[in-house]
Amino acid sequence: MSPGFMDHALRLMDALIKVMRQRIHDFIREGDYYKVVVSGEQLEWL
């Protein structure tokens, strides 16, 4: 994987997490993966 691609992917994930937190969604870490809580429903986030 090229460094430029990794940089772009990290910026995209950072932006997505910031938008979700602004909309009052939450993230829960369980073991090696995360879950996103949207309207009280937990969704797996790998």
PDB file of N, CA and C in Angstrom:
ATOM      1  N   MET A   1       0.852  -1.176   0.000  1.00  0.00           N
ATOM      2  CA  MET A   1       0.000   0.000   0.000  1.00  0.00           C
ATOM      3  C   MET A   1       0.897   1.238   0.000  1.00  0.00           C
ATOM      4  N   SER A   2       0.600   2.163  -0.869  1.00  0.00           N
ATOM      5  CA  SER A   2       1.430   3.359  -0.955  1.00  0.00           C
ATOM      6  C   SER A   2       1.117   4.313   0.203  1.00  0.00           C
ATOM      7  N   PRO A   3       2.105   5.081   0.649  1.00  0.00           N
ATOM      8  CA  PRO A   3       1.893   6.020   1.755  1.00  0.00           C
ATOM      9  C   PRO A   3       0.802   7.045   1.456  1.00  0.00           C
ATOM     10  N   GLY A   4       0.695   7.480   0.222  1.00  0.00           N
ATOM     11  CA  GLY A   4      -0.344   8.447  -0.146  1.00  0.00           C
ATOM     12  C   GLY A   4      -1.742   7.881   0.018  1.00  0.00           C
ATOM     13  N   PHE A   5      -1.894   6.606  -0.318  1.00  0.00           N
ATOM     14  CA  PHE A   5      -3.189   5.951  -0.175  1.00  0.00           C
ATOM     15  C   PHE A   5      -3.569   5.835   1.293  1.00  0.00           C
ATOM     16  N   MET A   6      -2.602   5.454   2.141  1.00  0.00           N
ATOM     17  CA  MET A   6      -2.868   5.318   3.569  1.00  0.00           C
ATOM     18  C   MET A   6      -3.242   6.662   4.172  1.00  0.00           C
ATOM     19  N   ASP A   7      -2.564   7.723   3.773  1.00  0.00           N
ATOM     20  CA  ASP A   7      -2.869   9.063   4.257  1.00  0.00           C
ATOM     21  C   ASP A   7      -4.296   9.465   3.884  1.00  0.00           C
ATOM     22  N   HIS A   8      -4.669   9.190   2.664  1.00  0.00           N
ATOM     23  CA  HIS A   8      -6.024   9.516   2.198  1.00  0.00           C
ATOM     24  C   HIS A   8      -7.073   8.715   2.977  1.00  0.00           C
ATOM     25  N   ALA A   9      -6.821   7.427   3.202  1.00  0.00           N
ATOM     26  CA  ALA A   9      -7.760   6.576   3.931  1.00  0.00           C
ATOM     27  C   ALA A   9      -7.929   7.062   5.369  1.00  0.00           C
ATOM     28  N   LEU A  10      -6.839   7.450   6.019  1.00  0.00           N
ATOM     29  CA  LEU A  10      -6.926   7.941   7.392  1.00  0.00           C
ATOM     30  C   LEU A  10      -7.689   9.255   7.475  1.00  0.00           C
ATOM     31  N   ARG A  11      -7.497  10.137   6.512  1.00  0.00           N
ATOM     32  CA  ARG A  11      -8.250  11.404   6.493  1.00  0.00           C
ATOM     33  C   ARG A  11      -9.740  11.152   6.298  1.00  0.00           C
ATOM     34  N   LEU A  12     -10.066  10.214   5.427  1.00  0.00           N
ATOM     35  CA  LEU A  12     -11.468   9.873   5.180  1.00  0.00           C
ATOM     36  C   LEU A  12     -12.118   9.306   6.446  1.00  0.00           C
ATOM     37  N   MET A  13     -11.447   8.390   7.131  1.00  0.00           N
ATOM     38  CA  MET A  13     -11.990   7.816   8.363  1.00  0.00           C
ATOM     39  C   MET A  13     -12.137   8.879   9.448  1.00  0.00           C
ATOM     40  N   ASP A  14     -11.165   9.776   9.549  1.00  0.00           N
ATOM     41  CA  ASP A  14     -11.233  10.849  10.531  1.00  0.00           C
ATOM     42  C   ASP A  14     -12.445  11.737  10.270  1.00  0.00           C
ATOM     43  N   ALA A  15     -12.672  12.089   9.019  1.00  0.00           N
ATOM     44  CA  ALA A  15     -13.824  12.925   8.669  1.00  0.00           C
ATOM     45  C   ALA A  15     -15.137  12.202   8.967  1.00  0.00           C
ATOM     46  N   LEU A  16     -15.211  10.920   8.653  1.00  0.00           N
ATOM     47  CA  LEU A  16     -16.429  10.153   8.903  1.00  0.00           C
ATOM     48  C   LEU A  16     -16.736  10.072  10.397  1.00  0.00           C
ATOM     49  N   ILE A  17     -15.722   9.830  11.209  1.00  0.00           N
ATOM     50  CA  ILE A  17     -15.920   9.755  12.661  1.00  0.00           C
ATOM     51  C   ILE A  17     -16.372  11.102  13.209  1.00  0.00           C
ATOM     52  N   LYS A  18     -15.786  12.197  12.744  1.00  0.00           N
ATOM     53  CA  LYS A  18     -16.181  13.525  13.218  1.00  0.00           C
ATOM     54  C   LYS A  18     -17.627  13.841  12.867  1.00  0.00           C
ATOM     55  N   VAL A  19     -18.054  13.488  11.655  1.00  0.00           N
ATOM     56  CA  VAL A  19     -19.445  13.729  11.243  1.00  0.00           C
ATOM     57  C   VAL A  19     -20.397  12.907  12.103  1.00  0.00           C
ATOM     58  N   MET A  20     -20.052  11.657  12.351  1.00  0.00           N
ATOM     59  CA  MET A  20     -20.930  10.802  13.150  1.00  0.00           C
ATOM     60  C   MET A  20     -21.034  11.300  14.584  1.00  0.00           C
ATOM     61  N   ARG A  21     -19.944  11.779  15.139  1.00  0.00           N
ATOM     62  CA  ARG A  21     -19.996  12.311  16.509  1.00  0.00           C
ATOM     63  C   ARG A  21     -20.809  13.602  16.566  1.00  0.00           C
ATOM     64  N   GLN A  22     -20.755  14.430  15.529  1.00  0.00           N
ATOM     65  CA  GLN A  22     -21.561  15.653  15.490  1.00  0.00           C
ATOM     66  C   GLN A  22     -23.040  15.323  15.483  1.00  0.00           C
ATOM     67  N   ARG A  23     -23.393  14.184  14.909  1.00  0.00           N
ATOM     68  CA  ARG A  23     -24.801  13.770  14.844  1.00  0.00           C
ATOM     69  C   ARG A  23     -25.184  12.915  16.044  1.00  0.00           C
ATOM     70  N   ILE A  24     -24.365  12.999  17.096  1.00  0.00           N
ATOM     71  CA  ILE A  24     -24.595  12.347  18.373  1.00  0.00           C
ATOM     72  C   ILE A  24     -24.707  10.829  18.240  1.00  0.00           C
ATOM     73  N   HIS A  25     -23.841  10.236  17.430  1.00  0.00           N
ATOM     74  CA  HIS A  25     -23.694   8.795  17.382  1.00  0.00           C
ATOM     75  C   HIS A  25     -22.470   8.468  18.229  1.00  0.00           C
ATOM     76  N   ASP A  26     -22.385   7.255  18.729  1.00  0.00           N
ATOM     77  CA  ASP A  26     -21.299   6.898  19.626  1.00  0.00           C
ATOM     78  C   ASP A  26     -20.571   5.659  19.117  1.00  0.00           C
ATOM     79  N   PHE A  27     -19.362   5.453  19.587  1.00  0.00           N
ATOM     80  CA  PHE A  27     -18.546   4.302  19.228  1.00  0.00           C
ATOM     81  C   PHE A  27     -18.228   3.519  20.493  1.00  0.00           C
ATOM     82  N   ILE A  28     -18.354   2.198  20.417  1.00  0.00           N
ATOM     83  CA  ILE A  28     -18.050   1.323  21.543  1.00  0.00           C
ATOM     84  C   ILE A  28     -16.996   0.327  21.079  1.00  0.00           C
ATOM     85  N   ARG A  29     -15.934   0.187  21.851  1.00  0.00           N
ATOM     86  CA  ARG A  29     -14.902  -0.798  21.505  1.00  0.00           C
ATOM     87  C   ARG A  29     -15.176  -2.078  22.269  1.00  0.00           C
ATOM     88  N   GLU A  30     -15.235  -3.182  21.535  1.00  0.00           N
ATOM     89  CA  GLU A  30     -15.414  -4.501  22.137  1.00  0.00           C
ATOM     90  C   GLU A  30     -14.346  -5.431  21.563  1.00  0.00           C
ATOM     91  N   GLY A  31     -13.331  -5.692  22.357  1.00  0.00           N
ATOM     92  CA  GLY A  31     -12.238  -6.545  21.889  1.00  0.00           C
ATOM     93  C   GLY A  31     -11.435  -5.863  20.798  1.00  0.00           C
ATOM     94  N   ASP A  32     -11.373  -6.504  19.632  1.00  0.00           N
ATOM     95  CA  ASP A  32     -10.573  -5.983  18.525  1.00  0.00           C
ATOM     96  C   ASP A  32     -11.396  -5.210  17.503  1.00  0.00           C
ATOM     97  N   TYR A  33     -12.658  -4.944  17.785  1.00  0.00           N
ATOM     98  CA  TYR A  33     -13.481  -4.223  16.821  1.00  0.00           C
ATOM     99  C   TYR A  33     -14.341  -3.178  17.519  1.00  0.00           C
ATOM    100  N   TYR A  34     -14.955  -2.328  16.728  1.00  0.00           N
ATOM    101  CA  TYR A  34     -15.787  -1.249  17.242  1.00  0.00           C
ATOM    102  C   TYR A  34     -17.228  -1.455  16.821  1.00  0.00           C
ATOM    103  N   LYS A  35     -18.134  -0.888  17.609  1.00  0.00           N
ATOM    104  CA  LYS A  35     -19.536  -0.845  17.244  1.00  0.00           C
ATOM    105  C   LYS A  35     -19.950   0.625  17.221  1.00  0.00           C
ATOM    106  N   VAL A  36     -20.820   0.950  16.292  1.00  0.00           N
ATOM    107  CA  VAL A  36     -21.368   2.299  16.200  1.00  0.00           C
ATOM    108  C   VAL A  36     -22.789   2.236  16.736  1.00  0.00           C
ATOM    109  N   VAL A  37     -23.149   3.165  17.599  1.00  0.00           N
ATOM    110  CA  VAL A  37     -24.500   3.216  18.136  1.00  0.00           C
ATOM    111  C   VAL A  37     -25.243   4.333  17.408  1.00  0.00           C
ATOM    112  N   VAL A  38     -26.271   3.940  16.646  1.00  0.00           N
ATOM    113  CA  VAL A  38     -27.083   4.873  15.862  1.00  0.00           C
ATOM    114  C   VAL A  38     -28.532   4.677  16.287  1.00  0.00           C
ATOM    115  N   SER A  39     -29.131   5.713  16.845  1.00  0.00           N
ATOM    116  CA  SER A  39     -30.524   5.656  17.312  1.00  0.00           C
ATOM    117  C   SER A  39     -30.759   4.463  18.230  1.00  0.00           C
ATOM    118  N   GLY A  40     -29.809   4.192  19.104  1.00  0.00           N
ATOM    119  CA  GLY A  40     -29.940   3.111  20.062  1.00  0.00           C
ATOM    120  C   GLY A  40     -29.588   1.733  19.527  1.00  0.00           C
ATOM    121  N   GLU A  41     -29.327   1.601  18.236  1.00  0.00           N
ATOM    122  CA  GLU A  41     -28.972   0.317  17.635  1.00  0.00           C
ATOM    123  C   GLU A  41     -27.455   0.229  17.491  1.00  0.00           C
ATOM    124  N   GLN A  42     -26.892  -0.920  17.839  1.00  0.00           N
ATOM    125  CA  GLN A  42     -25.455  -1.132  17.719  1.00  0.00           C
ATOM    126  C   GLN A  42     -25.143  -1.808  16.384  1.00  0.00           C
ATOM    127  N   LEU A  43     -24.241  -1.204  15.626  1.00  0.00           N
ATOM    128  CA  LEU A  43     -23.813  -1.736  14.334  1.00  0.00           C
ATOM    129  C   LEU A  43     -22.327  -2.021  14.402  1.00  0.00           C
ATOM    130  N   GLU A  44     -21.897  -3.160  13.876  1.00  0.00           N
ATOM    131  CA  GLU A  44     -20.466  -3.493  13.889  1.00  0.00           C
ATOM    132  C   GLU A  44     -19.703  -2.599  12.936  1.00  0.00           C
ATOM    133  N   TRP A  45     -18.552  -2.179  13.381  1.00  0.00           N
ATOM    134  CA  TRP A  45     -17.660  -1.339  12.572  1.00  0.00           C
ATOM    135  C   TRP A  45     -16.293  -2.014  12.623  1.00  0.00           C
ATOM    136  N   LEU A  46     -15.824  -2.488  11.522  1.00  0.00           N
ATOM    137  CA  LEU A  46     -14.551  -3.207  11.516  1.00  0.00           C
ATOM    138  C   LEU A  46     -13.385  -2.279  11.395  1.00  0.00           C
TER     139      LEU A  46
END
